[in-house]
Amino acid sequence: MQTYVSLVKFTQHGLQTMKEKGIERAEMVKKNAKALGGKLIQAYYCLGEYDVVAIWEFPDNKTAMKAAVMNASLGHIEIKTMPAISRDEWKTLLQNTIGKGR
């Protein structure tokens, strides 16, 4: 499974209906990903430019894109999703690309 990071902003509609539907929608987002073979690893609710930072696992980019579209189509969030690799994977990639000690 590959790791993905989503940066999420609540829409005006999402904010206006948070009290009535916020928890329900959060569970729906998680279920949508699971139905596609993905998994929510962790979600962090934030102050600042983004309201949520979510860490996911999906089998591939296309599946991650499907989940992002499904979840954004609920109307309560705007979402940017990007593939990510761990620090150890980055280190290995860097060593393989430019060699050790450079």
N, C-alpha and C. Protein backbone atom coordinates (compact mmCIF):
# COMPACT_ATOMS: atom_id res chain seq x y z
N MET A 1 0.84 -1.18 0.00
CA MET A 1 0.00 0.00 0.00
C MET A 1 0.89 1.24 0.00
N GLN A 2 0.45 2.24 -0.71
CA GLN A 2 1.16 3.51 -0.78
C GLN A 2 0.55 4.52 0.18
N THR A 3 1.36 5.45 0.64
CA THR A 3 0.92 6.47 1.58
C THR A 3 0.54 7.74 0.82
N TYR A 4 -0.52 8.40 1.30
CA TYR A 4 -0.99 9.65 0.72
C TYR A 4 -1.32 10.62 1.84
N VAL A 5 -1.15 11.90 1.55
CA VAL A 5 -1.51 12.97 2.48
C VAL A 5 -2.59 13.81 1.82
N SER A 6 -3.66 14.06 2.55
CA SER A 6 -4.72 14.94 2.05
C SER A 6 -4.77 16.20 2.89
N LEU A 7 -4.83 17.32 2.20
CA LEU A 7 -5.02 18.63 2.84
C LEU A 7 -6.47 19.03 2.57
N VAL A 8 -7.22 19.26 3.63
CA VAL A 8 -8.66 19.42 3.51
C VAL A 8 -9.10 20.76 4.08
N LYS A 9 -10.01 21.41 3.34
CA LYS A 9 -10.67 22.63 3.80
C LYS A 9 -12.17 22.36 3.82
N PHE A 10 -12.83 22.81 4.88
CA PHE A 10 -14.28 22.71 4.91
C PHE A 10 -14.88 23.78 4.00
N THR A 11 -15.91 23.43 3.26
CA THR A 11 -16.63 24.41 2.46
C THR A 11 -17.57 25.19 3.38
N GLN A 12 -18.15 26.25 2.85
CA GLN A 12 -19.13 27.01 3.63
C GLN A 12 -20.28 26.11 4.03
N HIS A 13 -20.74 25.28 3.09
CA HIS A 13 -21.82 24.32 3.39
C HIS A 13 -21.39 23.36 4.49
N GLY A 14 -20.15 22.90 4.42
CA GLY A 14 -19.64 21.98 5.43
C GLY A 14 -19.64 22.60 6.82
N LEU A 15 -19.25 23.86 6.88
CA LEU A 15 -19.23 24.56 8.17
C LEU A 15 -20.65 24.80 8.69
N GLN A 16 -21.56 25.17 7.80
CA GLN A 16 -22.93 25.47 8.21
C GLN A 16 -23.67 24.24 8.71
N THR A 17 -23.29 23.07 8.24
CA THR A 17 -23.98 21.83 8.63
C THR A 17 -23.13 20.95 9.55
N MET A 18 -22.05 21.50 10.07
CA MET A 18 -21.13 20.74 10.92
C MET A 18 -21.83 20.14 12.14
N LYS A 19 -22.64 20.92 12.80
CA LYS A 19 -23.29 20.47 14.04
C LYS A 19 -24.18 19.26 13.78
N GLU A 20 -24.94 19.30 12.70
CA GLU A 20 -25.89 18.23 12.41
C GLU A 20 -25.25 17.01 11.75
N LYS A 21 -24.22 17.24 10.91
CA LYS A 21 -23.72 16.15 10.07
C LYS A 21 -22.21 15.92 10.13
N GLY A 22 -21.50 16.68 10.95
CA GLY A 22 -20.04 16.60 10.95
C GLY A 22 -19.49 15.22 11.23
N ILE A 23 -19.96 14.58 12.28
CA ILE A 23 -19.44 13.24 12.64
C ILE A 23 -19.86 12.22 11.60
N GLU A 24 -21.10 12.30 11.14
CA GLU A 24 -21.61 11.37 10.13
C GLU A 24 -20.78 11.45 8.84
N ARG A 25 -20.47 12.67 8.40
CA ARG A 25 -19.69 12.84 7.18
C ARG A 25 -18.26 12.34 7.36
N ALA A 26 -17.67 12.59 8.53
CA ALA A 26 -16.31 12.10 8.78
C ALA A 26 -16.26 10.58 8.66
N GLU A 27 -17.29 9.91 9.16
CA GLU A 27 -17.35 8.45 9.06
C GLU A 27 -17.58 8.02 7.60
N MET A 28 -18.37 8.79 6.86
CA MET A 28 -18.62 8.46 5.45
C MET A 28 -17.33 8.56 4.63
N VAL A 29 -16.52 9.57 4.89
CA VAL A 29 -15.24 9.73 4.20
C VAL A 29 -14.37 8.48 4.44
N LYS A 30 -14.31 8.05 5.66
CA LYS A 30 -13.53 6.86 6.03
C LYS A 30 -14.09 5.61 5.34
N LYS A 31 -15.41 5.46 5.33
CA LYS A 31 -16.05 4.31 4.68
C LYS A 31 -15.84 4.31 3.17
N ASN A 32 -15.89 5.49 2.54
CA ASN A 32 -15.66 5.57 1.10
C ASN A 32 -14.27 5.05 0.76
N ALA A 33 -13.27 5.46 1.53
CA ALA A 33 -11.90 5.00 1.28
C ALA A 33 -11.81 3.49 1.48
N LYS A 34 -12.41 2.99 2.53
CA LYS A 34 -12.36 1.55 2.81
C LYS A 34 -13.02 0.74 1.69
N ALA A 35 -14.13 1.25 1.16
CA ALA A 35 -14.83 0.57 0.07
C ALA A 35 -13.97 0.45 -1.18
N LEU A 36 -13.00 1.37 -1.33
CA LEU A 36 -12.10 1.33 -2.48
C LEU A 36 -10.80 0.58 -2.19
N GLY A 37 -10.69 0.03 -0.99
CA GLY A 37 -9.47 -0.70 -0.64
C GLY A 37 -8.45 0.16 0.08
N GLY A 38 -8.86 1.36 0.51
CA GLY A 38 -7.95 2.26 1.22
C GLY A 38 -8.18 2.22 2.72
N LYS A 39 -7.34 2.96 3.43
CA LYS A 39 -7.43 2.98 4.88
C LYS A 39 -6.99 4.35 5.39
N LEU A 40 -7.80 4.92 6.29
CA LEU A 40 -7.41 6.15 6.96
C LEU A 40 -6.46 5.78 8.09
N ILE A 41 -5.24 6.27 8.02
CA ILE A 41 -4.24 5.99 9.05
C ILE A 41 -4.42 6.94 10.23
N GLN A 42 -4.58 8.23 9.93
CA GLN A 42 -4.75 9.23 10.97
C GLN A 42 -5.30 10.51 10.35
N ALA A 43 -6.07 11.23 11.13
CA ALA A 43 -6.56 12.54 10.71
C ALA A 43 -6.26 13.53 11.83
N TYR A 44 -5.73 14.67 11.43
CA TYR A 44 -5.41 15.74 12.37
C TYR A 44 -6.24 16.97 12.01
N TYR A 45 -6.98 17.49 12.96
CA TYR A 45 -7.76 18.69 12.75
C TYR A 45 -6.89 19.88 13.16
N CYS A 46 -6.88 20.90 12.31
CA CYS A 46 -5.86 21.95 12.41
C CYS A 46 -6.47 23.34 12.46
N LEU A 47 -5.64 24.27 12.89
CA LEU A 47 -5.90 25.69 12.74
C LEU A 47 -5.05 26.17 11.57
N GLY A 48 -5.50 27.18 10.87
CA GLY A 48 -4.69 27.72 9.79
C GLY A 48 -5.32 27.49 8.44
N GLU A 49 -4.49 27.37 7.42
CA GLU A 49 -4.96 27.29 6.03
C GLU A 49 -5.82 26.06 5.77
N TYR A 50 -5.47 24.94 6.38
CA TYR A 50 -6.22 23.70 6.18
C TYR A 50 -6.89 23.29 7.47
N ASP A 51 -8.08 22.72 7.36
CA ASP A 51 -8.84 22.29 8.53
C ASP A 51 -8.48 20.88 8.97
N VAL A 52 -8.06 20.06 8.03
CA VAL A 52 -7.71 18.67 8.34
C VAL A 52 -6.50 18.26 7.50
N VAL A 53 -5.61 17.51 8.11
CA VAL A 53 -4.54 16.82 7.40
C VAL A 53 -4.78 15.33 7.66
N ALA A 54 -4.99 14.58 6.59
CA ALA A 54 -5.29 13.15 6.72
C ALA A 54 -4.18 12.33 6.07
N ILE A 55 -3.82 11.25 6.74
CA ILE A 55 -2.83 10.31 6.23
C ILE A 55 -3.57 9.03 5.86
N TRP A 56 -3.38 8.61 4.61
CA TRP A 56 -4.10 7.46 4.06
C TRP A 56 -3.14 6.41 3.53
N GLU A 57 -3.66 5.23 3.32
CA GLU A 57 -3.01 4.20 2.50
C GLU A 57 -4.00 3.79 1.42
N PHE A 58 -3.53 3.76 0.19
CA PHE A 58 -4.31 3.29 -0.95
C PHE A 58 -3.43 2.40 -1.80
N PRO A 59 -4.04 1.50 -2.57
CA PRO A 59 -3.24 0.62 -3.43
C PRO A 59 -2.46 1.36 -4.51
N ASP A 60 -3.02 2.48 -5.02
CA ASP A 60 -2.36 3.19 -6.12
C ASP A 60 -2.95 4.58 -6.28
N ASN A 61 -2.37 5.37 -7.19
CA ASN A 61 -2.81 6.74 -7.41
C ASN A 61 -4.25 6.84 -7.87
N LYS A 62 -4.65 5.96 -8.77
CA LYS A 62 -6.02 6.02 -9.29
C LYS A 62 -7.04 5.81 -8.18
N THR A 63 -6.77 4.89 -7.29
CA THR A 63 -7.68 4.64 -6.17
C THR A 63 -7.72 5.85 -5.24
N ALA A 64 -6.58 6.45 -4.97
CA ALA A 64 -6.54 7.65 -4.13
C ALA A 64 -7.34 8.78 -4.78
N MET A 65 -7.23 8.90 -6.10
CA MET A 65 -7.99 9.94 -6.83
C MET A 65 -9.49 9.67 -6.74
N LYS A 66 -9.89 8.42 -6.90
CA LYS A 66 -11.31 8.07 -6.79
C LYS A 66 -11.86 8.46 -5.41
N ALA A 67 -11.11 8.13 -4.37
CA ALA A 67 -11.55 8.46 -3.02
C ALA A 67 -11.67 9.96 -2.83
N ALA A 68 -10.71 10.71 -3.34
CA ALA A 68 -10.75 12.17 -3.21
C ALA A 68 -11.98 12.74 -3.92
N VAL A 69 -12.27 12.25 -5.10
CA VAL A 69 -13.43 12.73 -5.86
C VAL A 69 -14.73 12.35 -5.14
N MET A 70 -14.81 11.10 -4.69
CA MET A 70 -16.02 10.65 -3.96
C MET A 70 -16.27 11.53 -2.74
N ASN A 71 -15.21 11.78 -1.99
CA ASN A 71 -15.37 12.53 -0.75
C ASN A 71 -15.64 14.01 -1.00
N ALA A 72 -15.00 14.59 -1.98
CA ALA A 72 -15.26 16.00 -2.31
C ALA A 72 -16.68 16.17 -2.84
N SER A 73 -17.20 15.15 -3.52
CA SER A 73 -18.55 15.25 -4.10
C SER A 73 -19.64 15.28 -3.03
N LEU A 74 -19.30 14.98 -1.79
CA LEU A 74 -20.27 15.09 -0.70
C LEU A 74 -20.62 16.55 -0.43
N GLY A 75 -19.74 17.47 -0.87
CA GLY A 75 -20.03 18.89 -0.81
C GLY A 75 -19.56 19.62 0.43
N HIS A 76 -18.98 18.93 1.36
CA HIS A 76 -18.60 19.60 2.61
C HIS A 76 -17.11 19.90 2.71
N ILE A 77 -16.32 19.40 1.76
CA ILE A 77 -14.88 19.63 1.80
C ILE A 77 -14.31 19.91 0.42
N GLU A 78 -13.17 20.60 0.42
CA GLU A 78 -12.29 20.69 -0.74
C GLU A 78 -11.05 19.92 -0.32
N ILE A 79 -10.52 19.11 -1.21
CA ILE A 79 -9.44 18.20 -0.82
C ILE A 79 -8.33 18.19 -1.85
N LYS A 80 -7.10 18.21 -1.37
CA LYS A 80 -5.91 18.04 -2.20
C LYS A 80 -5.18 16.82 -1.66
N THR A 81 -4.96 15.85 -2.52
CA THR A 81 -4.30 14.62 -2.09
C THR A 81 -3.03 14.42 -2.88
N MET A 82 -1.98 14.02 -2.18
CA MET A 82 -0.69 13.82 -2.84
C MET A 82 -0.01 12.56 -2.31
N PRO A 83 0.73 11.87 -3.17
CA PRO A 83 1.48 10.71 -2.70
C PRO A 83 2.63 11.17 -1.81
N ALA A 84 3.00 10.33 -0.88
CA ALA A 84 4.09 10.67 0.04
C ALA A 84 4.91 9.41 0.32
N ILE A 85 6.17 9.62 0.67
CA ILE A 85 7.01 8.51 1.10
C ILE A 85 7.64 8.87 2.44
N SER A 86 8.01 7.86 3.17
CA SER A 86 8.60 8.07 4.49
C SER A 86 10.01 8.65 4.36
N ARG A 87 10.53 9.14 5.46
CA ARG A 87 11.89 9.68 5.49
C ARG A 87 12.90 8.60 5.09
N ASP A 88 12.71 7.38 5.58
CA ASP A 88 13.63 6.29 5.22
C ASP A 88 13.57 5.96 3.73
N GLU A 89 12.36 5.96 3.17
CA GLU A 89 12.23 5.73 1.73
C GLU A 89 12.90 6.85 0.95
N TRP A 90 12.75 8.09 1.41
CA TRP A 90 13.38 9.24 0.75
C TRP A 90 14.89 9.08 0.78
N LYS A 91 15.42 8.69 1.92
CA LYS A 91 16.86 8.52 2.08
C LYS A 91 17.38 7.47 1.09
N THR A 92 16.68 6.36 0.99
CA THR A 92 17.08 5.30 0.05
C THR A 92 17.00 5.80 -1.39
N LEU A 93 15.92 6.49 -1.72
CA LEU A 93 15.76 7.04 -3.06
C LEU A 93 16.90 8.00 -3.39
N LEU A 94 17.22 8.86 -2.45
CA LEU A 94 18.29 9.84 -2.64
C LEU A 94 19.63 9.15 -2.84
N GLN A 95 19.91 8.15 -2.02
CA GLN A 95 21.16 7.41 -2.14
C GLN A 95 21.25 6.69 -3.49
N ASN A 96 20.15 6.12 -3.93
CA ASN A 96 20.12 5.42 -5.21
C ASN A 96 20.24 6.38 -6.39
N THR A 97 19.80 7.62 -6.20
CA THR A 97 19.79 8.59 -7.28
C THR A 97 21.12 9.32 -7.41
N ILE A 98 21.64 9.82 -6.29
CA ILE A 98 22.86 10.62 -6.36
C ILE A 98 24.06 9.97 -5.67
N GLY A 99 23.85 8.80 -5.11
CA GLY A 99 24.96 8.10 -4.48
C GLY A 99 25.18 8.52 -3.04
N LYS A 100 25.88 7.69 -2.32
CA LYS A 100 26.17 7.95 -0.91
C LYS A 100 27.20 9.04 -0.76
N GLY A 101 27.03 9.83 0.28
CA GLY A 101 28.03 10.82 0.64
C GLY A 101 28.11 12.05 -0.25
N ARG A 102 27.18 12.20 -1.14
CA ARG A 102 27.23 13.40 -2.01
C ARG A 102 26.27 14.43 -1.53
